[in-house]
Amino acid sequence: MKTKPAVLALFLAAVLGGPALAGEVHVAVAANFTEPAKEIAAAFKEKTGHDAVLSFGATGQLYTQIAQDAPFGVFLSADAERPQQAVAEGLAEKDSRFTYAVGRLVLWSKDAGRTPDEEALRAGDFSRLAIANPKTAPYGAAAVETLTALGVLAAVEPKLVQGNNIAQTFQFVDTGNAEFGFVAAAQLVGRESGSRWLVPEHMHQPIRQDAVLLKKAAGNEAAEAFITFLKGPEARRIIERYGYGTGGGAS
């Protein structure tokens, strides 16, 4: 009996691991991790054939969507608390949580003539200081902790402008709507213009960013492969190139 061409093609695709086996995973990604996530998704596609469909936003907003049954398979948070909460509330696989990146906070000015540091914050010689919403964005919470540690929170509070997430906060400074802004170090990779102050890590809680496999993606080959890839050397090189530390272990 002759083998039909269509059947033979499907058989060969399965044996060779071709596109017929490629899957898809929807990934909720914290806004600060936008650029490295795009590179990681492209490298993941090239290596595995699977598609990682990325959705970006503030961590708190993404978690609300996950709790409301959004079709995400993997959650890349900007903190450790929400993935832990997802496990506790039965939304994520218990043993899948791990730290994929450790963020750094930067006070940035687009004006190279400004000196964005603790003395500038104490002097208060600016009209607007941009931060991400501290209730939903961990970088915003770290900014508030830094201002509190410096003893200037009350003085600068009337000058604060809040972005919904760290991406919008960056835009406030980049467009000149705020002289200074607390942004993620990763957002300034490759940008030489302006001036910046890398906030000492002791001034705020570590910005540990955890990933977790969500329950609805259990058994999804693409989702599980993405988690594995995110832990691997190719993804780690991309993460470190964008100015993050890598946790490299379960939380």
Protein backbone atom coordinates (compact mmCIF):
# COMPACT_ATOMS: atom_id res chain seq x y z
CA MET A 1 0.00 0.00 0.00
CA LYS A 2 1.34 3.39 -0.97
CA THR A 3 1.75 6.10 1.64
CA LYS A 4 -0.22 9.24 0.82
CA PRO A 5 1.98 12.34 0.39
CA ALA A 6 0.10 14.33 3.04
CA VAL A 7 0.48 11.56 5.62
CA LEU A 8 4.17 11.22 4.77
CA ALA A 9 4.68 14.98 5.18
CA LEU A 10 3.08 14.96 8.62
CA PHE A 11 5.19 11.96 9.64
CA LEU A 12 8.40 13.63 8.53
CA ALA A 13 7.49 16.87 10.28
CA ALA A 14 6.91 14.97 13.51
CA VAL A 15 10.17 13.04 13.23
CA LEU A 16 12.20 16.10 12.34
CA GLY A 17 10.61 18.35 14.93
CA GLY A 18 9.37 20.80 12.32
CA PRO A 19 6.64 23.42 12.42
CA ALA A 20 3.86 20.84 12.84
CA LEU A 21 5.06 20.41 16.44
CA ALA A 22 5.49 24.10 17.14
CA GLY A 23 3.31 25.49 19.88
CA GLU A 24 2.39 28.82 21.39
CA VAL A 25 2.50 30.32 24.86
CA HIS A 26 1.08 33.64 25.98
CA VAL A 27 3.47 35.38 28.37
CA ALA A 28 2.55 38.23 30.73
CA VAL A 29 5.66 40.40 31.04
CA ALA A 30 6.41 43.23 33.47
CA ALA A 31 6.91 46.47 31.53
CA ASN A 32 10.50 46.99 32.69
CA PHE A 33 11.48 43.72 30.99
CA THR A 34 10.08 44.66 27.56
CA GLU A 35 13.25 44.76 25.47
CA PRO A 36 15.04 41.70 26.88
CA ALA A 37 11.77 39.74 26.68
CA LYS A 38 11.51 40.52 22.95
CA GLU A 39 15.05 39.24 22.37
CA ILE A 40 14.45 36.16 24.48
CA ALA A 41 11.22 35.38 22.60
CA ALA A 42 13.06 35.65 19.27
CA ALA A 43 15.88 33.38 20.45
CA PHE A 44 13.33 30.95 21.89
CA LYS A 45 11.50 30.83 18.56
CA GLU A 46 14.73 30.21 16.67
CA LYS A 47 15.80 27.39 18.97
CA THR A 48 12.49 25.60 19.60
CA GLY A 49 10.08 26.70 16.88
CA HIS A 50 7.57 27.71 19.56
CA ASP A 51 6.02 31.18 19.65
CA ALA A 52 6.05 33.25 22.83
CA VAL A 53 3.27 35.84 22.48
CA LEU A 54 4.18 38.71 24.80
CA SER A 55 1.84 41.08 26.65
CA PHE A 56 3.39 43.94 28.65
CA GLY A 57 2.08 45.92 31.59
CA ALA A 58 2.45 46.84 35.24
CA THR A 59 2.86 43.78 37.44
CA GLY A 60 -0.21 44.54 39.53
CA GLN A 61 -2.37 45.03 36.46
CA LEU A 62 -1.11 41.81 34.87
CA TYR A 63 -1.85 39.90 38.06
CA THR A 64 -5.40 41.22 38.09
CA GLN A 65 -5.82 39.96 34.52
CA ILE A 66 -4.42 36.55 35.49
CA ALA A 67 -6.82 36.32 38.43
CA GLN A 68 -9.64 37.15 36.00
CA ASP A 69 -8.69 34.18 33.80
CA ALA A 70 -6.67 35.95 31.11
CA PRO A 71 -5.14 33.41 28.68
CA PHE A 72 -1.56 33.61 29.97
CA GLY A 73 0.63 30.56 30.40
CA VAL A 74 3.71 32.18 31.95
CA PHE A 75 4.01 35.22 34.21
CA LEU A 76 7.24 37.26 34.29
CA SER A 77 6.68 39.55 37.24
CA ALA A 78 8.65 42.60 38.36
CA ASP A 79 8.51 41.34 41.93
CA ALA A 80 8.59 38.11 43.92
CA GLU A 81 5.31 38.67 45.76
CA ARG A 82 2.79 38.26 42.95
CA PRO A 83 4.17 34.94 41.66
CA GLN A 84 4.18 33.71 45.26
CA GLN A 85 0.59 34.90 45.60
CA ALA A 86 -0.30 33.13 42.36
CA VAL A 87 0.98 29.86 43.80
CA ALA A 88 -0.84 30.43 47.10
CA GLU A 89 -4.12 31.17 45.31
CA GLY A 90 -3.86 28.10 43.07
CA LEU A 91 -3.22 30.06 39.88
CA ALA A 92 0.32 28.77 39.31
CA GLU A 93 2.30 25.56 39.52
CA LYS A 94 3.79 25.22 43.00
CA ASP A 95 7.36 24.24 42.10
CA SER A 96 7.77 26.41 39.01
CA ARG A 97 8.60 29.77 40.64
CA PHE A 98 12.15 31.09 40.30
CA THR A 99 14.04 34.39 40.11
CA TYR A 100 14.85 35.20 36.49
CA ALA A 101 16.24 38.74 37.01
CA VAL A 102 17.24 41.21 39.70
CA GLY A 103 16.52 44.81 38.73
CA ARG A 104 18.42 48.02 39.44
CA LEU A 105 16.81 51.41 40.03
CA VAL A 106 18.21 54.54 38.38
CA LEU A 107 17.38 58.22 38.84
CA TRP A 108 17.61 59.62 35.31
CA SER A 109 17.48 63.02 33.64
CA LYS A 110 17.41 63.51 29.89
CA ASP A 111 19.39 66.71 30.44
CA ALA A 112 23.11 65.93 30.54
CA GLY A 113 23.63 69.14 32.50
CA ARG A 114 21.52 67.97 35.43
CA THR A 115 23.02 65.88 38.22
CA PRO A 116 20.38 63.39 39.33
CA ASP A 117 21.56 62.18 42.73
CA GLU A 118 20.57 62.34 46.38
CA GLU A 119 21.80 65.93 46.70
CA ALA A 120 19.60 67.00 43.79
CA LEU A 121 16.63 65.33 45.46
CA ARG A 122 17.37 67.12 48.73
CA ALA A 123 17.79 70.46 46.96
CA GLY A 124 14.45 70.02 45.23
CA ASP A 125 15.43 72.17 42.25
CA PHE A 126 12.95 70.56 39.86
CA SER A 127 9.25 70.79 39.21
CA ARG A 128 8.41 67.15 38.41
CA LEU A 129 9.80 63.82 39.49
CA ALA A 130 8.41 60.76 37.73
CA ILE A 131 7.90 57.42 39.45
CA ALA A 132 5.90 54.33 38.56
CA ASN A 133 2.73 53.70 40.56
CA PRO A 134 4.08 52.18 43.79
CA LYS A 135 0.87 50.21 44.33
CA THR A 136 1.23 48.21 41.12
CA ALA A 137 4.86 48.61 40.00
CA PRO A 138 7.76 47.32 42.13
CA TYR A 139 10.12 49.94 40.67
CA GLY A 140 7.70 52.57 41.94
CA ALA A 141 7.71 51.00 45.39
CA ALA A 142 11.52 50.99 45.33
CA ALA A 143 11.49 54.68 44.37
CA VAL A 144 9.28 55.52 47.36
CA GLU A 145 11.56 53.49 49.65
CA THR A 146 14.56 55.42 48.31
CA LEU A 147 12.91 58.79 48.87
CA THR A 148 11.95 57.68 52.38
CA ALA A 149 15.49 56.52 53.12
CA LEU A 150 16.80 59.92 52.02
CA GLY A 151 14.23 61.69 54.19
CA VAL A 152 12.82 63.70 51.29
CA LEU A 153 9.53 61.96 50.53
CA ALA A 154 7.31 64.59 52.17
CA ALA A 155 9.18 67.43 50.48
CA VAL A 156 9.00 66.00 46.95
CA GLU A 157 5.56 64.42 47.16
CA PRO A 158 3.78 67.44 45.60
CA LYS A 159 6.15 67.15 42.61
CA LEU A 160 5.58 63.46 41.93
CA VAL A 161 3.99 62.35 38.67
CA GLN A 162 3.04 58.71 38.43
CA GLY A 163 3.25 56.45 35.43
CA ASN A 164 0.97 53.44 35.24
CA ASN A 165 4.11 51.37 34.79
CA ILE A 166 7.85 51.86 34.41
CA ALA A 167 7.55 52.24 30.61
CA GLN A 168 5.22 55.22 30.96
CA THR A 169 7.45 56.65 33.70
CA PHE A 170 10.38 56.52 31.31
CA GLN A 171 8.31 58.35 28.69
CA PHE A 172 7.58 61.19 31.13
CA VAL A 173 11.31 61.88 31.40
CA ASP A 174 12.14 61.13 27.77
CA THR A 175 9.54 63.63 26.52
CA GLY A 176 10.61 66.33 28.99
CA ASN A 177 7.43 66.19 31.05
CA ALA A 178 9.55 65.49 34.14
CA GLU A 179 13.11 66.65 34.81
CA PHE A 180 13.95 63.53 36.80
CA GLY A 181 12.52 60.03 36.96
CA PHE A 182 13.16 56.75 38.71
CA VAL A 183 13.49 54.20 35.91
CA ALA A 184 14.92 50.72 35.41
CA ALA A 185 18.62 50.50 34.57
CA ALA A 186 17.65 48.16 31.73
CA GLN A 187 15.76 50.97 30.01
CA LEU A 188 18.98 52.97 29.64
CA VAL A 189 21.07 50.24 28.05
CA GLY A 190 22.58 51.64 24.84
CA ARG A 191 21.50 55.20 25.64
CA GLU A 192 24.41 57.54 26.20
CA SER A 193 22.49 60.81 26.45
CA GLY A 194 21.35 62.42 29.67
CA SER A 195 22.68 61.85 33.16
CA ARG A 196 21.95 59.20 35.74
CA TRP A 197 22.46 58.03 39.30
CA LEU A 198 22.47 54.31 40.02
CA VAL A 199 20.59 54.09 43.31
CA PRO A 200 22.55 52.18 45.97
CA GLU A 201 20.85 48.85 46.56
CA HIS A 202 20.72 49.33 50.33
CA MET A 203 18.20 52.15 49.89
CA HIS A 204 15.38 49.83 48.87
CA GLN A 205 14.32 46.21 49.00
CA PRO A 206 15.88 44.04 46.27
CA ILE A 207 13.88 44.18 43.05
CA ARG A 208 13.76 40.42 42.63
CA GLN A 209 11.76 39.48 39.58
CA ASP A 210 10.21 36.03 39.64
CA ALA A 211 8.68 33.92 36.91
CA VAL A 212 6.04 31.24 37.32
CA LEU A 213 4.21 28.70 35.16
CA LEU A 214 0.48 29.31 35.40
CA LYS A 215 -1.93 26.43 36.04
CA LYS A 216 -3.75 26.72 32.74
CA ALA A 217 -0.45 26.05 30.92
CA ALA A 218 0.41 22.86 32.81
CA GLY A 219 1.22 20.28 30.15
CA ASN A 220 1.60 22.97 27.48
CA GLU A 221 4.85 22.02 25.78
CA ALA A 222 5.58 25.55 24.58
CA ALA A 223 5.02 27.05 28.05
CA GLU A 224 7.21 24.51 29.79
CA ALA A 225 9.89 24.92 27.12
CA PHE A 226 9.82 28.70 27.62
CA ILE A 227 10.41 28.33 31.37
CA THR A 228 13.33 25.99 30.66
CA PHE A 229 14.77 28.38 28.07
CA LEU A 230 14.45 31.33 30.46
CA LYS A 231 16.65 29.47 32.96
CA GLY A 232 19.26 28.60 30.35
CA PRO A 233 22.53 30.27 29.32
CA GLU A 234 21.21 32.00 26.18
CA ALA A 235 18.46 33.83 28.06
CA ARG A 236 20.79 34.62 30.95
CA ARG A 237 23.27 36.30 28.61
CA ILE A 238 20.50 38.50 27.23
CA ILE A 239 19.24 39.35 30.73
CA GLU A 240 22.71 40.32 31.97
CA ARG A 241 23.38 42.40 28.86
CA TYR A 242 20.39 44.53 29.78
CA GLY A 243 21.83 45.37 33.16
CA TYR A 244 20.00 42.86 35.32
CA GLY A 245 21.44 40.40 37.76
CA THR A 246 20.21 36.82 37.45
CA GLY A 247 18.79 34.90 40.36
CA GLY A 248 19.22 31.51 38.77
CA GLY A 249 17.21 29.51 41.26
CA ALA A 250 13.88 28.64 42.81
CA SER A 251 12.45 31.16 45.23
